[in-house]
Amino acid sequence: MGRRIAVVVGERLGRTLLELGGNNAIIVLDDANPDLAVRAVLFGAVGTAGQRCTTTRRLILQKGIAADVVSRLEKAYSQIRIGDRSTRRP
């Protein structure tokens, strides 16, 4: 699709910026630092939710690290409070 669009837009000397199904994924490979990966995922998925269009929506995890990252994310997500901060009591 990108090539086809490039030809059409190129004929009028235009520029393109395409989102071609990436859907804001984070890719985590086996040699990644799991602590850093989890922090990045939390920021990308929770820290920016509702604030920008690039909020993380999917994870692509290599098999060797997948179980550990999922376990860490489950623990991290269980600690997130949902709601309006201005109405919370300490």
Protein backbone atom coordinates (compact mmCIF):
# COMPACT_ATOMS: atom_id res chain seq x y z
CA MET A 1 0.00 0.00 0.00
CA GLY A 2 2.83 2.40 0.85
CA ARG A 3 4.42 1.96 -2.57
CA ARG A 4 1.12 2.53 -4.33
CA ILE A 5 0.43 5.69 -2.34
CA ALA A 6 3.99 6.93 -2.93
CA VAL A 7 3.50 6.66 -6.70
CA VAL A 8 0.20 8.54 -6.66
CA VAL A 9 1.44 11.30 -4.36
CA GLY A 10 4.83 11.43 -6.10
CA GLU A 11 3.12 12.24 -9.40
CA ARG A 12 2.10 15.57 -7.91
CA LEU A 13 5.44 15.99 -6.08
CA GLY A 14 3.70 15.63 -2.74
CA ARG A 15 5.01 14.21 0.52
CA THR A 16 3.53 11.41 2.56
CA LEU A 17 3.49 10.36 6.19
CA LEU A 18 1.89 6.97 6.55
CA GLU A 19 0.82 4.80 9.47
CA LEU A 20 0.67 1.41 7.82
CA GLY A 21 -0.73 -0.88 10.48
CA GLY A 22 2.01 -0.56 13.08
CA ASN A 23 -0.60 0.24 15.72
CA ASN A 24 1.95 1.68 18.16
CA ALA A 25 3.71 -1.52 19.17
CA ILE A 26 6.68 -2.01 21.46
CA ILE A 27 9.00 -4.87 20.47
CA VAL A 28 10.92 -6.54 23.29
CA LEU A 29 13.71 -8.97 22.37
CA ASP A 30 15.23 -11.69 24.53
CA ASP A 31 18.34 -9.63 25.36
CA ALA A 32 16.32 -6.65 26.64
CA ASN A 33 16.55 -5.42 30.21
CA PRO A 34 13.14 -6.46 31.60
CA ASP A 35 13.02 -3.59 34.12
CA LEU A 36 13.57 -1.00 31.40
CA ALA A 37 11.13 -2.74 29.07
CA VAL A 38 8.36 -2.72 31.68
CA ARG A 39 8.97 0.95 32.49
CA ALA A 40 8.83 1.81 28.79
CA VAL A 41 5.62 -0.15 28.28
CA LEU A 42 3.94 1.45 31.29
CA PHE A 43 4.88 4.94 30.19
CA GLY A 44 3.88 4.27 26.60
CA ALA A 45 0.56 2.65 27.48
CA VAL A 46 -0.49 4.31 30.73
CA GLY A 47 1.60 7.43 31.14
CA THR A 48 0.45 8.89 27.86
CA ALA A 49 -3.07 7.45 27.65
CA GLY A 50 -5.46 10.12 26.42
CA GLN A 51 -2.63 12.58 25.93
CA ARG A 52 -1.34 11.73 22.49
CA CYS A 53 -2.10 9.50 19.54
CA THR A 54 1.03 7.42 19.98
CA THR A 55 -0.05 5.59 23.13
CA THR A 56 1.22 1.99 23.06
CA ARG A 57 -1.47 -0.49 22.08
CA ARG A 58 0.39 -3.76 21.53
CA LEU A 59 3.45 -5.65 22.64
CA ILE A 60 5.51 -7.96 20.51
CA LEU A 61 7.55 -10.09 22.89
CA GLN A 62 10.21 -12.60 21.93
CA LYS A 63 9.44 -15.99 23.48
CA GLY A 64 12.46 -16.07 25.78
CA ILE A 65 11.43 -12.94 27.66
CA ALA A 66 7.65 -13.02 27.23
CA ALA A 67 6.62 -14.80 30.44
CA ASP A 68 8.85 -12.62 32.62
CA VAL A 69 7.70 -9.37 31.02
CA VAL A 70 4.02 -10.35 31.23
CA SER A 71 4.42 -11.28 34.91
CA ARG A 72 6.12 -7.97 35.68
CA LEU A 73 3.47 -6.03 33.77
CA GLU A 74 0.65 -7.79 35.63
CA LYS A 75 2.24 -6.77 38.93
CA ALA A 76 2.82 -3.20 37.74
CA TYR A 77 -0.69 -2.78 36.34
CA SER A 78 -2.24 -4.06 39.57
CA GLN A 79 -0.72 -1.04 41.35
CA ILE A 80 -2.19 1.58 39.02
CA ARG A 81 -5.06 3.59 40.43
CA ILE A 82 -7.78 4.54 37.99
CA GLY A 83 -9.82 7.70 38.33
CA ASP A 84 -9.65 11.43 38.71
CA ARG A 85 -6.73 12.36 40.96
CA SER A 86 -8.42 15.56 42.07
CA THR A 87 -11.16 13.60 43.86
CA ARG A 88 -8.87 11.13 45.66
CA ARG A 89 -8.12 11.33 49.31
CA PRO A 90 -4.60 10.61 50.58
